[in-house]
Protein backbone atom coordinates (compact mmCIF):
# COMPACT_ATOMS: atom_id res chain seq x y z
CA MET A 1 40.87 43.98 42.68
CA ARG A 2 37.96 45.85 41.09
CA ARG A 3 39.75 45.84 37.74
CA GLY A 4 40.18 42.04 38.05
CA LYS A 5 36.47 41.52 38.78
CA PHE A 6 35.50 43.77 35.87
CA SER A 7 37.79 41.82 33.52
CA LEU A 8 36.30 38.55 34.75
CA LEU A 9 32.79 39.89 34.08
CA ILE A 10 33.74 40.86 30.51
CA ILE A 11 35.16 37.38 29.91
CA ILE A 12 31.94 35.75 31.18
CA ILE A 13 29.78 37.95 28.95
CA LEU A 14 31.92 37.22 25.87
CA THR A 15 31.87 33.50 26.64
CA MET A 16 28.09 33.46 26.96
CA SER A 17 27.76 35.36 23.65
CA LEU A 18 29.93 32.83 21.85
CA MET A 19 27.95 29.93 23.33
CA LEU A 20 24.66 31.43 22.17
CA ALA A 21 26.07 32.09 18.70
CA GLY A 22 27.17 28.46 18.49
CA CYS A 23 23.71 27.03 19.28
CA GLY A 24 22.30 27.41 15.76
CA GLY A 25 21.27 31.01 16.17
CA SER A 26 20.38 32.98 13.08
CA GLY A 27 21.62 36.46 14.02
CA PRO A 28 19.26 39.15 15.21
CA GLU A 29 16.20 37.07 14.23
CA GLY A 30 17.01 34.47 16.90
CA PRO A 31 17.48 30.69 16.63
CA GLU A 32 16.02 28.89 13.63
CA GLN A 33 12.85 26.98 14.44
CA GLU A 34 13.31 23.21 14.33
CA VAL A 35 11.20 21.46 11.72
CA PRO A 36 10.71 17.74 10.96
CA THR A 37 12.39 15.91 8.10
CA LEU A 38 10.00 13.86 5.96
CA ASN A 39 11.00 11.21 3.41
CA VAL A 40 8.95 11.63 0.22
CA SER A 41 9.03 9.34 -2.82
CA TYR A 42 7.87 9.80 -6.40
CA GLN A 43 8.45 8.01 -9.73
CA PHE A 44 9.81 9.10 -13.09
CA GLY A 45 7.08 9.77 -15.63
CA ASN A 46 4.63 12.63 -15.92
CA HIS A 47 1.95 11.30 -13.57
CA HIS A 48 3.73 13.03 -10.68
CA ILE A 49 4.63 16.28 -12.43
CA PRO A 50 2.85 18.61 -9.96
CA PHE A 51 5.36 17.54 -7.31
CA VAL A 52 8.22 17.57 -9.82
CA ALA A 53 7.19 21.08 -10.90
CA ALA A 54 7.50 22.24 -7.29
CA MET A 55 11.04 20.83 -7.13
CA TYR A 56 11.96 22.22 -10.55
CA LYS A 57 10.52 25.71 -10.11
CA GLY A 58 11.64 26.27 -6.54
CA GLU A 59 11.12 29.86 -5.40
CA GLU A 60 10.07 30.94 -8.91
CA LEU A 61 6.42 30.06 -8.14
CA LYS A 62 6.50 31.41 -4.61
CA ASP A 63 3.41 33.51 -5.42
CA LEU A 64 1.32 30.31 -5.37
CA GLY A 65 1.70 30.47 -1.59
CA TYR A 66 3.83 27.35 -1.26
CA HIS A 67 7.22 26.40 -2.64
CA LEU A 68 10.25 24.16 -2.26
CA LYS A 69 13.76 25.47 -1.79
CA GLU A 70 16.45 23.21 -3.22
CA MET A 71 19.29 22.30 -0.84
CA VAL A 72 20.80 19.33 -2.71
CA PRO A 73 19.77 19.02 -6.41
CA LYS A 74 16.82 16.64 -6.78
CA GLU A 75 17.47 15.12 -3.34
CA LYS A 76 16.90 17.56 -0.47
CA PHE A 77 14.43 20.44 -0.25
CA GLU A 78 12.90 22.77 2.29
CA LEU A 79 9.09 23.11 2.26
CA TYR A 80 7.70 26.63 2.71
CA ALA A 81 4.25 28.11 3.30
CA GLY A 82 4.78 31.71 2.32
CA ASP A 83 8.06 32.69 4.00
CA LYS A 84 7.73 30.14 6.79
CA LYS A 85 9.83 26.99 6.62
CA VAL A 86 7.60 24.04 7.50
CA ALA A 87 9.67 20.89 6.89
CA ASN A 88 12.76 19.40 5.34
CA LEU A 89 12.07 16.89 2.55
CA ASP A 90 14.42 14.04 1.63
CA ILE A 91 13.45 12.81 -1.85
CA ILE A 92 13.49 9.16 -2.94
CA VAL A 93 12.86 7.98 -6.51
CA ALA A 94 10.90 4.71 -6.56
CA LYS A 95 10.83 2.42 -9.57
CA SER A 96 7.15 1.51 -9.25
CA GLY A 97 4.05 1.67 -7.09
CA ALA A 98 4.87 -1.79 -5.75
CA GLU A 99 8.24 -0.51 -4.54
CA THR A 100 6.51 2.51 -2.98
CA ALA A 101 4.20 0.19 -1.00
CA THR A 102 7.24 -1.82 0.12
CA LEU A 103 9.03 1.35 1.24
CA PHE A 104 5.95 2.22 3.30
CA ALA A 105 6.01 -1.23 4.92
CA GLN A 106 9.71 -0.79 5.76
CA LYS A 107 9.11 2.75 7.09
CA HIS A 108 11.71 4.07 4.65
CA ILE A 109 9.28 6.71 3.38
CA ASP A 110 6.68 8.87 5.12
CA ILE A 111 4.76 10.15 2.09
CA GLY A 112 4.66 8.49 -1.31
CA LEU A 113 3.24 9.08 -4.77
CA GLY A 114 2.28 5.87 -6.56
CA SER A 115 -0.44 3.88 -8.27
CA VAL A 116 -3.66 3.45 -6.32
CA THR A 117 -3.78 -0.29 -7.00
CA ALA A 118 -0.33 -0.72 -5.43
CA MET A 119 -1.48 1.30 -2.41
CA LEU A 120 -4.62 -0.86 -2.10
CA THR A 121 -2.48 -3.99 -2.16
CA GLY A 122 -0.19 -2.57 0.52
CA ILE A 123 -3.16 -1.75 2.77
CA ASP A 124 -4.63 -5.21 2.13
CA ARG A 125 -1.37 -6.66 3.45
CA GLY A 126 -1.70 -4.66 6.65
CA THR A 127 0.69 -1.74 6.09
CA PRO A 128 -0.69 1.22 8.09
CA PHE A 129 -0.98 4.12 5.65
CA LYS A 130 -3.76 6.16 4.10
CA ILE A 131 -4.55 7.46 0.61
CA LEU A 132 -4.81 11.24 0.99
CA SER A 133 -5.84 12.23 -2.54
CA PRO A 134 -5.47 11.48 -6.22
CA ILE A 135 -2.73 13.35 -8.07
CA GLN A 136 -3.89 12.58 -11.63
CA THR A 137 -6.35 10.51 -13.64
CA GLU A 138 -6.01 8.54 -16.89
CA GLY A 139 -2.80 8.80 -18.93
CA ILE A 140 -2.46 5.02 -19.57
CA GLY A 141 -1.99 3.48 -23.00
CA VAL A 142 -1.60 0.06 -24.64
CA VAL A 143 1.27 -0.05 -27.16
CA PHE A 144 2.04 -2.54 -29.95
CA PRO A 145 4.70 -2.42 -32.71
CA LYS A 146 4.35 0.20 -35.39
CA ASP A 147 2.21 -0.86 -38.39
CA CYS A 148 0.75 -3.81 -36.47
CA ASN A 149 -2.78 -3.37 -37.93
CA ILE A 150 -4.27 -3.12 -34.43
CA GLU A 151 -5.96 0.19 -33.84
CA ASP A 152 -8.70 -0.31 -31.23
CA TRP A 153 -10.15 -2.79 -28.74
CA ASP A 154 -12.07 -4.75 -31.42
CA SER A 155 -8.98 -5.40 -33.57
CA PHE A 156 -6.98 -6.14 -30.40
CA GLU A 157 -9.56 -8.72 -29.35
CA GLU A 158 -9.52 -10.24 -32.83
CA TYR A 159 -5.71 -10.44 -32.72
CA ILE A 160 -5.84 -12.38 -29.45
CA ASN A 161 -8.48 -14.78 -30.76
CA ARG A 162 -6.46 -15.48 -33.94
CA SER A 163 -3.20 -16.18 -32.13
CA SER A 164 -2.24 -19.85 -31.75
CA ILE A 165 -0.03 -19.08 -28.74
CA PRO A 166 -0.58 -16.78 -25.74
CA VAL A 167 -0.18 -13.11 -26.60
CA LYS A 168 2.62 -11.65 -24.45
CA LEU A 169 1.65 -8.37 -22.77
CA GLY A 170 4.21 -6.53 -20.65
CA TYR A 171 3.71 -4.33 -17.60
CA HIS A 172 6.15 -2.40 -15.39
CA SER A 173 4.91 -3.35 -11.91
CA PRO A 174 2.71 -6.22 -10.66
CA THR A 175 0.39 -3.95 -8.67
CA SER A 176 0.45 -0.94 -11.00
CA ALA A 177 -2.80 0.65 -12.16
CA PRO A 178 -1.98 0.08 -15.88
CA LYS A 179 -1.53 -3.64 -15.32
CA MET A 180 -4.51 -4.02 -13.01
CA VAL A 181 -6.94 -2.11 -15.24
CA LEU A 182 -5.97 -3.98 -18.41
CA GLU A 183 -6.01 -7.32 -16.60
CA SER A 184 -9.47 -6.55 -15.22
CA ALA A 185 -10.80 -5.66 -18.68
CA LEU A 186 -9.32 -8.81 -20.22
CA TYR A 187 -10.73 -10.91 -17.39
CA GLU A 188 -14.21 -9.43 -17.84
CA ALA A 189 -13.96 -10.02 -21.62
CA GLY A 190 -13.57 -13.74 -20.89
CA PHE A 191 -9.90 -14.23 -21.77
CA LYS A 192 -7.78 -16.74 -19.88
CA ILE A 193 -4.83 -14.89 -18.34
CA THR A 194 -1.62 -16.35 -16.93
CA GLU A 195 1.81 -15.32 -15.72
CA ASP A 196 3.15 -18.85 -16.20
CA ALA A 197 5.22 -19.00 -19.40
CA ASN A 198 4.53 -22.76 -19.62
CA ASP A 199 0.75 -22.34 -19.71
CA SER A 200 0.17 -22.70 -23.45
CA ALA A 201 -3.61 -22.92 -23.02
CA ALA A 202 -3.90 -19.29 -21.93
CA ASP A 203 -4.95 -16.46 -24.21
CA ILE A 204 -2.73 -13.85 -22.53
CA LEU A 205 0.70 -14.22 -20.93
CA LEU A 206 1.45 -11.25 -18.67
CA VAL A 207 5.16 -10.41 -18.47
CA ASP A 208 6.72 -8.43 -15.62
CA LEU A 209 9.20 -5.97 -17.18
CA LYS A 210 10.27 -4.80 -13.67
CA GLU A 211 10.29 -1.03 -14.31
CA MET A 212 9.13 1.65 -16.74
CA ALA A 213 12.60 2.05 -18.28
CA ASN A 214 12.23 -1.46 -19.78
CA LEU A 215 8.95 -0.84 -21.60
CA ILE A 216 10.30 0.48 -24.92
CA PRO A 217 13.38 -1.86 -25.06
CA SER A 218 11.07 -4.86 -24.55
CA LEU A 219 9.21 -3.94 -27.72
CA ILE A 220 12.43 -3.48 -29.72
CA SER A 221 13.80 -6.84 -28.56
CA LYS A 222 10.42 -8.53 -29.16
CA GLN A 223 10.39 -9.77 -25.58
CA VAL A 224 6.66 -8.98 -25.63
CA ASP A 225 4.01 -8.47 -28.30
CA GLY A 226 2.85 -5.28 -26.63
CA TRP A 227 2.59 -3.58 -23.25
CA VAL A 228 0.47 -1.33 -21.10
CA GLY A 229 2.14 1.65 -19.49
CA PRO A 230 1.74 5.12 -18.04
CA ALA A 231 2.34 8.39 -19.87
CA PRO A 232 4.58 9.57 -21.36
CA TYR A 233 5.99 6.17 -22.40
CA PRO A 234 3.24 5.33 -24.94
CA ALA A 235 3.77 8.70 -26.65
CA VAL A 236 7.56 8.27 -26.51
CA ALA A 237 7.29 4.85 -28.18
CA ALA A 238 5.19 6.37 -30.97
CA GLU A 239 7.52 9.34 -31.43
CA GLN A 240 10.57 7.08 -31.66
CA GLY A 241 8.84 4.99 -34.34
CA VAL A 242 9.05 1.89 -32.14
CA GLY A 243 5.36 1.42 -31.46
CA GLN A 244 1.87 2.81 -31.75
CA VAL A 245 -0.81 3.43 -29.15
CA ILE A 246 -3.62 1.05 -30.09
CA PHE A 247 -5.96 2.50 -27.46
CA GLU A 248 -6.05 4.43 -24.21
CA VAL A 249 -7.19 2.49 -21.16
CA ARG A 250 -10.08 4.94 -20.78
CA ASP A 251 -11.50 3.44 -24.01
CA LEU A 252 -11.67 -0.13 -22.69
CA PRO A 253 -15.11 -1.76 -22.79
CA PRO A 254 -17.74 -1.31 -21.58
CA GLU A 255 -17.83 2.26 -22.84
CA GLY A 256 -17.45 4.86 -20.11
CA LYS A 257 -16.58 2.41 -17.33
CA TRP A 258 -12.89 3.39 -17.27
CA HIS A 259 -13.25 7.14 -17.80
CA ASP A 260 -11.62 9.30 -15.12
CA THR A 261 -9.53 6.22 -14.38
CA PRO A 262 -7.93 6.32 -10.92
CA CYS A 263 -4.21 5.92 -11.29
CA CYS A 264 -1.65 7.66 -9.08
CA VAL A 265 -2.34 8.95 -5.58
CA VAL A 266 -0.63 10.64 -2.65
CA ALA A 267 -0.40 8.44 0.44
CA ALA A 268 1.13 8.79 3.90
CA ARG A 269 1.89 6.53 6.85
CA ASP A 270 -0.71 6.69 9.63
CA GLU A 271 1.97 7.70 12.14
CA ILE A 272 2.95 10.70 10.01
CA VAL A 273 -0.66 11.75 9.45
CA SER A 274 -1.24 11.71 13.23
CA ASN A 275 2.00 13.39 14.34
CA TYR A 276 2.59 15.95 11.57
CA ARG A 277 -0.85 17.06 10.42
CA GLY A 278 0.23 20.68 9.93
CA GLU A 279 3.22 19.75 7.79
CA VAL A 280 1.21 17.22 5.76
CA GLN A 281 -1.50 19.85 5.22
CA VAL A 282 1.03 22.31 3.78
CA LEU A 283 2.47 19.63 1.47
CA MET A 284 -1.00 18.65 0.24
CA ASP A 285 -1.95 22.31 -0.27
CA MET A 286 1.21 22.75 -2.32
CA ILE A 287 0.51 19.68 -4.49
CA GLY A 288 -3.04 20.94 -5.06
CA LYS A 289 -1.83 24.38 -6.14
CA TYR A 290 0.82 22.95 -8.47
CA SER A 291 -1.73 20.51 -9.94
CA GLU A 292 -3.86 23.49 -10.96
CA TRP A 293 -0.78 25.26 -12.30
CA CYS A 294 0.18 22.24 -14.45
CA ASN A 295 -3.33 22.00 -15.91
CA ASP A 296 -3.21 25.70 -16.78
CA ASN A 297 0.35 25.55 -18.16
CA MET A 298 0.53 22.21 -19.99
CA ASP A 299 3.27 23.34 -22.39
CA GLU A 300 5.52 24.41 -19.54
CA ALA A 301 4.65 21.26 -17.59
CA ALA A 302 5.75 19.23 -20.63
CA LYS A 303 9.01 21.18 -20.73
CA ILE A 304 9.63 20.39 -17.06
CA THR A 305 8.94 16.69 -17.73
CA SER A 306 11.41 16.75 -20.61
CA GLU A 307 14.22 18.54 -18.78
CA TRP A 308 13.80 16.75 -15.44
CA MET A 309 13.51 13.25 -16.85
CA GLY A 310 15.30 13.42 -20.17
CA LEU A 311 12.17 12.60 -22.14
CA SER A 312 10.78 14.16 -25.30
CA GLU A 313 8.90 17.41 -24.73
CA LYS A 314 6.56 16.58 -27.63
CA ALA A 315 5.73 13.17 -26.16
CA ALA A 316 5.14 14.69 -22.72
CA ARG A 317 2.79 17.28 -24.22
CA GLU A 318 0.75 14.68 -26.11
CA SER A 319 0.01 12.59 -23.04
CA VAL A 320 -3.65 12.70 -21.97
CA ILE A 321 -3.61 13.50 -18.23
CA THR A 322 -5.65 15.55 -15.80
CA TYR A 323 -3.95 16.60 -12.57
CA THR A 324 -6.13 16.88 -9.49
CA THR A 325 -6.14 16.29 -5.75
CA LYS A 326 -9.94 16.23 -5.58
CA PRO A 327 -11.48 12.76 -5.07
CA SER A 328 -14.57 12.96 -7.29
CA GLU A 329 -17.41 10.44 -6.99
CA THR A 330 -16.43 9.03 -10.40
CA TRP A 331 -12.88 8.57 -9.16
CA LYS A 332 -14.03 6.82 -5.97
CA ASN A 333 -16.41 4.63 -7.96
CA GLY A 334 -13.44 3.63 -10.12
CA ILE A 335 -11.60 2.41 -7.05
CA GLY A 336 -14.69 0.42 -6.12
CA VAL A 337 -14.58 -1.20 -9.57
CA TYR A 338 -10.90 -2.08 -9.05
CA MET A 339 -11.63 -3.67 -5.69
CA ALA A 340 -14.60 -5.68 -6.93
CA THR A 341 -12.74 -6.99 -9.96
CA LEU A 342 -9.55 -7.78 -8.06
CA ASN A 343 -11.51 -9.61 -5.37
CA ARG A 344 -13.21 -11.71 -8.07
CA MET A 345 -9.74 -12.50 -9.38
CA GLY A 346 -8.57 -13.56 -5.92
CA LYS A 347 -5.92 -10.81 -5.65
CA TYR A 348 -6.68 -9.85 -2.05
CA GLU A 349 -5.93 -12.08 0.93
CA GLY A 350 -5.98 -9.65 3.86
CA GLN A 351 -7.93 -6.59 4.98
CA LEU A 352 -9.65 -6.06 1.61
CA LYS A 353 -10.60 -9.67 0.93
CA ASP A 354 -14.29 -9.89 -0.09
CA LYS A 355 -14.83 -6.28 0.99
CA GLU A 356 -16.72 -3.58 -0.91
CA LEU A 357 -15.48 -0.01 -1.00
CA GLN A 358 -18.10 1.32 1.42
CA ASP A 359 -16.99 -1.25 3.99
CA VAL A 360 -13.38 -0.03 4.13
CA GLU A 361 -13.38 3.68 3.25
CA GLU A 362 -12.10 4.67 6.70
CA LEU A 363 -9.30 2.11 6.39
CA LEU A 364 -8.26 3.36 2.94
CA PHE A 365 -8.75 7.12 2.89
CA ASP A 366 -8.10 10.34 4.75
CA PHE A 367 -9.43 13.08 2.49
CA SER A 368 -9.46 15.69 5.30
CA PHE A 369 -6.42 17.45 3.81
CA VAL A 370 -8.12 18.14 0.46
CA GLU A 371 -11.82 18.47 1.33
């Protein structure tokens, strides 16, 4: 009888051990801590290279204090602060800032990298998310065919005035910073702008090319006379002998107004900011560290751009970009300029309509993660 009870006790102990082992335990260190899964989007191009560098380098740059561990190539990563796993990241590639804003509205992403003008438009339409920081400034160029005899704003303006039909200018996304900045400058210069192909009285016909991949082909096919686009596409067009950069957007008139041009930002849904502050903080700290690393290692950052995206390393290196997560006063003033110009153009119909930046800063920004 005693032997039977002893045997029963052994069976119970073994059964309990197996049950514990089957509950996700990680050996002698105990069960793995549960962490949230966050959906993060970015776009191809080198405006988002600090985040791409984190995916590309993985544990190689662990000494920066933060790193990503690849689980599924380019799609699933684990976010670490030191040796501590903080979150799982599911990665989504968006075609444009406009698509990023739509993904926010549909709650398909939690954190997104995209153009600030697209994010402003999304917030104007009532989507509850916040801009957490810039990720880069400038890096936007206007491209026309090679040997076009246009080399600066003055010759560009003269070309428009001489043309008997509207000059066709392409862009990759309707709410992208490149499109918005150029449109604002043309508007302030007094040109009549349209997106109606039948409006022959206009000076400029803006053409939606749908995504960045269509920029260079549109020039080859002569679908447009020229286009405005983010780096590295202007440099790629020049390297391929397809086009030439007639000016950088930073050089638009009046002189100095478009320097330190706000372009791409990091944004997050309000719900995520409220519920996962610790995880968002680690992600923002990581992006800040890798932004500094990219600025200090531009040649290697260009190599990452080339290998990750299949673009020319030379073109990536020649792009004029500064990576930063610090919202400088110049950067914030630039957003104020965007808002004022876009309101004059009637682009806002919701929360930003007829508003100045100081009226809506709390609605737009949460800089607490980078200040």
